[in-house]
N, C-alpha and C. Protein backbone atom coordinates (compact mmCIF):
# COMPACT_ATOMS: atom_id res chain seq x y z
N UNK A 1 -7.64 14.77 -17.57
CA UNK A 1 -6.44 14.25 -16.97
C UNK A 1 -6.29 12.78 -17.38
N UNK A 2 -5.12 12.41 -17.82
CA UNK A 2 -4.90 11.02 -18.20
C UNK A 2 -4.87 10.14 -16.96
N UNK A 3 -5.16 8.86 -17.14
CA UNK A 3 -5.18 7.96 -15.99
C UNK A 3 -3.79 7.82 -15.38
N UNK A 4 -2.74 7.91 -16.19
CA UNK A 4 -1.39 7.79 -15.66
C UNK A 4 -1.07 8.93 -14.70
N UNK A 5 -1.47 10.13 -15.06
CA UNK A 5 -1.24 11.27 -14.19
C UNK A 5 -2.14 11.18 -12.97
N UNK A 6 -3.39 10.84 -13.16
CA UNK A 6 -4.34 10.76 -12.06
C UNK A 6 -3.97 9.75 -11.00
N UNK A 7 -3.27 8.69 -11.37
CA UNK A 7 -2.90 7.66 -10.42
C UNK A 7 -1.84 8.14 -9.43
N UNK A 8 -1.15 9.22 -9.75
CA UNK A 8 -0.09 9.69 -8.88
C UNK A 8 -0.60 10.57 -7.75
N UNK A 9 -1.84 10.98 -7.80
CA UNK A 9 -2.38 11.82 -6.76
C UNK A 9 -3.02 10.97 -5.67
N UNK A 10 -2.71 11.24 -4.40
CA UNK A 10 -3.34 10.48 -3.32
C UNK A 10 -4.85 10.68 -3.29
N UNK A 11 -5.54 9.67 -2.83
CA UNK A 11 -6.99 9.71 -2.71
C UNK A 11 -7.39 10.28 -1.36
N UNK A 12 -6.70 9.83 -0.32
CA UNK A 12 -6.98 10.27 1.05
C UNK A 12 -5.74 9.95 1.89
N UNK A 13 -5.87 10.04 3.19
CA UNK A 13 -4.80 9.63 4.08
C UNK A 13 -5.41 8.86 5.24
N UNK A 14 -4.53 8.17 5.98
CA UNK A 14 -5.00 7.40 7.14
C UNK A 14 -3.95 7.52 8.24
N UNK A 15 -4.38 7.34 9.46
CA UNK A 15 -3.45 7.42 10.59
C UNK A 15 -2.52 6.21 10.58
N UNK A 16 -1.43 6.32 11.29
CA UNK A 16 -0.49 5.19 11.42
C UNK A 16 -1.19 3.97 12.00
N UNK A 17 -2.03 4.18 13.00
CA UNK A 17 -2.75 3.06 13.62
C UNK A 17 -3.69 2.39 12.62
N UNK A 18 -4.42 3.19 11.83
CA UNK A 18 -5.34 2.63 10.83
C UNK A 18 -4.56 1.90 9.73
N UNK A 19 -3.43 2.47 9.31
CA UNK A 19 -2.60 1.84 8.28
C UNK A 19 -2.09 0.49 8.76
N UNK A 20 -1.54 0.45 9.96
CA UNK A 20 -1.00 -0.79 10.51
C UNK A 20 -2.09 -1.85 10.68
N UNK A 21 -3.26 -1.43 11.15
CA UNK A 21 -4.36 -2.37 11.33
C UNK A 21 -4.83 -2.94 9.98
N UNK A 22 -4.89 -2.10 8.96
CA UNK A 22 -5.32 -2.55 7.63
C UNK A 22 -4.31 -3.55 7.06
N UNK A 23 -3.01 -3.25 7.17
CA UNK A 23 -1.99 -4.16 6.66
C UNK A 23 -2.03 -5.48 7.43
N UNK A 24 -2.18 -5.43 8.74
CA UNK A 24 -2.29 -6.66 9.54
C UNK A 24 -3.49 -7.50 9.11
N UNK A 25 -4.61 -6.85 8.84
CA UNK A 25 -5.82 -7.57 8.40
C UNK A 25 -5.62 -8.19 7.02
N UNK A 26 -4.95 -7.47 6.13
CA UNK A 26 -4.69 -8.02 4.80
C UNK A 26 -3.75 -9.21 4.87
N UNK A 27 -2.72 -9.13 5.72
CA UNK A 27 -1.79 -10.25 5.90
C UNK A 27 -2.52 -11.46 6.46
N UNK A 28 -3.41 -11.25 7.41
CA UNK A 28 -4.17 -12.35 8.01
C UNK A 28 -5.11 -13.01 7.00
N UNK A 29 -5.60 -12.22 6.04
CA UNK A 29 -6.57 -12.73 5.07
C UNK A 29 -5.93 -13.39 3.85
N UNK A 30 -4.65 -13.12 3.61
CA UNK A 30 -3.99 -13.64 2.40
C UNK A 30 -2.77 -14.47 2.80
N UNK A 31 -2.79 -15.72 2.41
CA UNK A 31 -1.75 -16.67 2.83
C UNK A 31 -0.33 -16.26 2.46
N UNK A 32 -0.12 -15.73 1.29
CA UNK A 32 1.23 -15.45 0.81
C UNK A 32 1.70 -14.03 1.05
N UNK A 33 0.85 -13.17 1.56
CA UNK A 33 1.19 -11.75 1.64
C UNK A 33 2.31 -11.45 2.64
N UNK A 34 2.32 -12.10 3.78
CA UNK A 34 3.38 -11.85 4.77
C UNK A 34 4.76 -12.11 4.17
N UNK A 35 4.94 -13.25 3.53
CA UNK A 35 6.24 -13.58 2.94
C UNK A 35 6.60 -12.64 1.80
N UNK A 36 5.61 -12.24 1.02
CA UNK A 36 5.85 -11.32 -0.09
C UNK A 36 6.32 -9.96 0.43
N UNK A 37 5.63 -9.42 1.42
CA UNK A 37 6.02 -8.14 2.00
C UNK A 37 7.41 -8.25 2.64
N UNK A 38 7.65 -9.31 3.39
CA UNK A 38 8.94 -9.50 4.06
C UNK A 38 10.08 -9.61 3.06
N UNK A 39 9.84 -10.22 1.92
CA UNK A 39 10.88 -10.42 0.93
C UNK A 39 11.11 -9.24 0.00
N UNK A 40 10.16 -8.31 -0.07
CA UNK A 40 10.26 -7.21 -1.03
C UNK A 40 10.33 -5.82 -0.39
N UNK A 41 10.34 -5.76 0.95
CA UNK A 41 10.33 -4.44 1.60
C UNK A 41 11.29 -4.38 2.77
N UNK A 42 11.53 -3.16 3.21
CA UNK A 42 12.13 -2.91 4.51
C UNK A 42 11.05 -2.23 5.34
N UNK A 43 11.09 -2.40 6.65
CA UNK A 43 10.03 -1.83 7.49
C UNK A 43 10.00 -0.30 7.43
N UNK A 44 8.85 0.23 7.70
CA UNK A 44 8.70 1.68 7.80
C UNK A 44 9.46 2.16 9.03
N UNK A 45 10.14 3.27 8.91
CA UNK A 45 10.91 3.82 10.02
C UNK A 45 10.02 4.71 10.88
N UNK A 46 10.08 4.53 12.19
CA UNK A 46 9.27 5.39 13.08
C UNK A 46 9.88 6.78 13.17
N UNK A 47 9.50 7.65 12.24
CA UNK A 47 10.06 8.99 12.21
C UNK A 47 9.04 10.04 12.63
N UNK A 48 8.05 9.62 13.38
CA UNK A 48 7.04 10.55 13.83
C UNK A 48 5.90 10.73 12.83
N UNK A 49 5.95 10.01 11.73
CA UNK A 49 4.90 10.11 10.70
C UNK A 49 3.60 9.54 11.28
N UNK A 50 2.57 10.35 11.35
CA UNK A 50 1.31 9.88 11.90
C UNK A 50 0.24 9.70 10.83
N UNK A 51 0.48 10.19 9.62
CA UNK A 51 -0.48 10.06 8.52
C UNK A 51 0.24 9.47 7.32
N UNK A 52 -0.45 8.62 6.60
CA UNK A 52 0.09 8.00 5.39
C UNK A 52 -0.90 8.16 4.26
N UNK A 53 -0.40 8.39 3.06
CA UNK A 53 -1.26 8.53 1.89
C UNK A 53 -1.90 7.19 1.54
N UNK A 54 -3.08 7.28 0.97
CA UNK A 54 -3.82 6.13 0.43
C UNK A 54 -4.20 6.50 -1.00
N UNK A 55 -4.00 5.57 -1.95
CA UNK A 55 -4.31 5.81 -3.35
C UNK A 55 -5.40 4.86 -3.82
N UNK A 56 -6.12 5.25 -4.85
CA UNK A 56 -7.07 4.35 -5.51
C UNK A 56 -6.26 3.35 -6.31
N UNK A 57 -6.73 2.12 -6.37
CA UNK A 57 -6.05 1.07 -7.13
C UNK A 57 -6.18 1.37 -8.63
N UNK A 58 -5.06 1.28 -9.39
CA UNK A 58 -5.11 1.56 -10.82
C UNK A 58 -5.60 0.39 -11.67
N UNK A 59 -5.85 -0.77 -11.06
CA UNK A 59 -6.30 -1.94 -11.82
C UNK A 59 -7.74 -1.72 -12.29
N UNK A 60 -7.96 -1.90 -13.57
CA UNK A 60 -9.30 -1.71 -14.15
C UNK A 60 -10.31 -2.61 -13.45
N UNK A 61 -11.39 -2.00 -12.98
CA UNK A 61 -12.47 -2.74 -12.34
C UNK A 61 -12.28 -3.04 -10.87
N UNK A 62 -11.12 -2.74 -10.32
CA UNK A 62 -10.87 -2.99 -8.89
C UNK A 62 -11.27 -1.76 -8.09
N UNK A 63 -12.14 -1.92 -7.10
CA UNK A 63 -12.57 -0.78 -6.29
C UNK A 63 -11.66 -0.51 -5.09
N UNK A 64 -10.53 -1.21 -5.00
CA UNK A 64 -9.68 -1.15 -3.81
C UNK A 64 -8.88 0.12 -3.64
N UNK A 65 -8.31 0.22 -2.45
CA UNK A 65 -7.41 1.30 -2.09
C UNK A 65 -6.03 0.72 -1.79
N UNK A 66 -4.99 1.50 -2.02
CA UNK A 66 -3.62 1.06 -1.80
C UNK A 66 -3.11 1.62 -0.48
N UNK A 67 -2.64 0.72 0.40
CA UNK A 67 -2.15 1.08 1.73
C UNK A 67 -0.66 0.80 1.82
N UNK A 68 0.09 1.68 2.46
CA UNK A 68 1.53 1.54 2.58
C UNK A 68 1.89 0.37 3.50
N UNK A 69 2.75 -0.54 2.98
CA UNK A 69 3.17 -1.70 3.75
C UNK A 69 4.65 -1.64 4.12
N UNK A 70 5.43 -0.77 3.47
CA UNK A 70 6.85 -0.67 3.77
C UNK A 70 7.55 0.11 2.68
N UNK A 71 8.88 0.10 2.74
CA UNK A 71 9.69 0.72 1.69
C UNK A 71 10.17 -0.37 0.75
N UNK A 72 10.10 -0.12 -0.55
CA UNK A 72 10.56 -1.09 -1.53
C UNK A 72 12.02 -1.40 -1.29
N UNK A 73 12.37 -2.68 -1.37
CA UNK A 73 13.72 -3.13 -1.06
C UNK A 73 14.76 -2.60 -2.02
N UNK A 74 14.46 -2.61 -3.31
CA UNK A 74 15.47 -2.27 -4.31
C UNK A 74 15.24 -0.93 -5.01
N UNK A 75 14.17 -0.26 -4.72
CA UNK A 75 13.87 1.02 -5.38
C UNK A 75 13.50 2.05 -4.33
N UNK A 76 13.63 3.30 -4.70
CA UNK A 76 13.26 4.38 -3.80
C UNK A 76 11.76 4.64 -3.96
N UNK A 77 10.95 3.85 -3.26
CA UNK A 77 9.50 3.97 -3.40
C UNK A 77 8.81 3.36 -2.19
N UNK A 78 7.56 3.75 -2.02
CA UNK A 78 6.72 3.09 -1.03
C UNK A 78 6.14 1.83 -1.66
N UNK A 79 6.03 0.79 -0.88
CA UNK A 79 5.44 -0.48 -1.32
C UNK A 79 4.02 -0.50 -0.77
N UNK A 80 3.04 -0.61 -1.65
CA UNK A 80 1.64 -0.55 -1.23
C UNK A 80 0.90 -1.82 -1.61
N UNK A 81 -0.14 -2.12 -0.85
CA UNK A 81 -0.95 -3.32 -1.04
C UNK A 81 -2.39 -2.90 -1.28
N UNK A 82 -3.02 -3.51 -2.29
CA UNK A 82 -4.42 -3.22 -2.59
C UNK A 82 -5.33 -4.04 -1.66
N UNK A 83 -6.34 -3.39 -1.11
CA UNK A 83 -7.31 -4.08 -0.26
C UNK A 83 -8.53 -4.54 -1.04
N UNK A 84 -8.49 -4.39 -2.36
CA UNK A 84 -9.63 -4.74 -3.20
C UNK A 84 -9.52 -6.12 -3.82
N UNK A 85 -10.30 -6.31 -4.87
CA UNK A 85 -10.42 -7.62 -5.50
C UNK A 85 -9.18 -8.07 -6.25
N UNK A 86 -8.35 -7.15 -6.72
CA UNK A 86 -7.16 -7.55 -7.47
C UNK A 86 -6.05 -8.07 -6.56
N UNK A 87 -6.00 -7.60 -5.31
CA UNK A 87 -5.02 -8.05 -4.31
C UNK A 87 -3.58 -7.90 -4.77
N UNK A 88 -3.29 -6.89 -5.58
CA UNK A 88 -1.94 -6.68 -6.10
C UNK A 88 -1.12 -5.79 -5.18
N UNK A 89 0.19 -5.79 -5.43
CA UNK A 89 1.09 -4.86 -4.76
C UNK A 89 1.67 -3.92 -5.82
N UNK A 90 2.02 -2.72 -5.40
CA UNK A 90 2.53 -1.70 -6.31
C UNK A 90 3.63 -0.91 -5.62
N UNK A 91 4.40 -0.18 -6.42
CA UNK A 91 5.36 0.79 -5.90
C UNK A 91 4.79 2.17 -6.15
N UNK A 92 4.91 3.06 -5.18
CA UNK A 92 4.42 4.44 -5.31
C UNK A 92 5.55 5.39 -5.07
């Protein structure tokens, strides 16, 4: 399987509470992350979703996981944040 195809498959899932706690912890740990998320996303809608997908980070050498932080402002995609060493954001 090519890496491009493999990146599209979720690694695991997490509860809404775990997702929110992880995003809050990442925002607290990174000075610019709150403003970046606020400027590039719309909030997740409370539609009864209790589980969210988590993906492995596609950055070479980064052991992180990607957690959903919101909906991308200008594209039809989820906006995710890496909890690993690369600290990047991605669209899924």
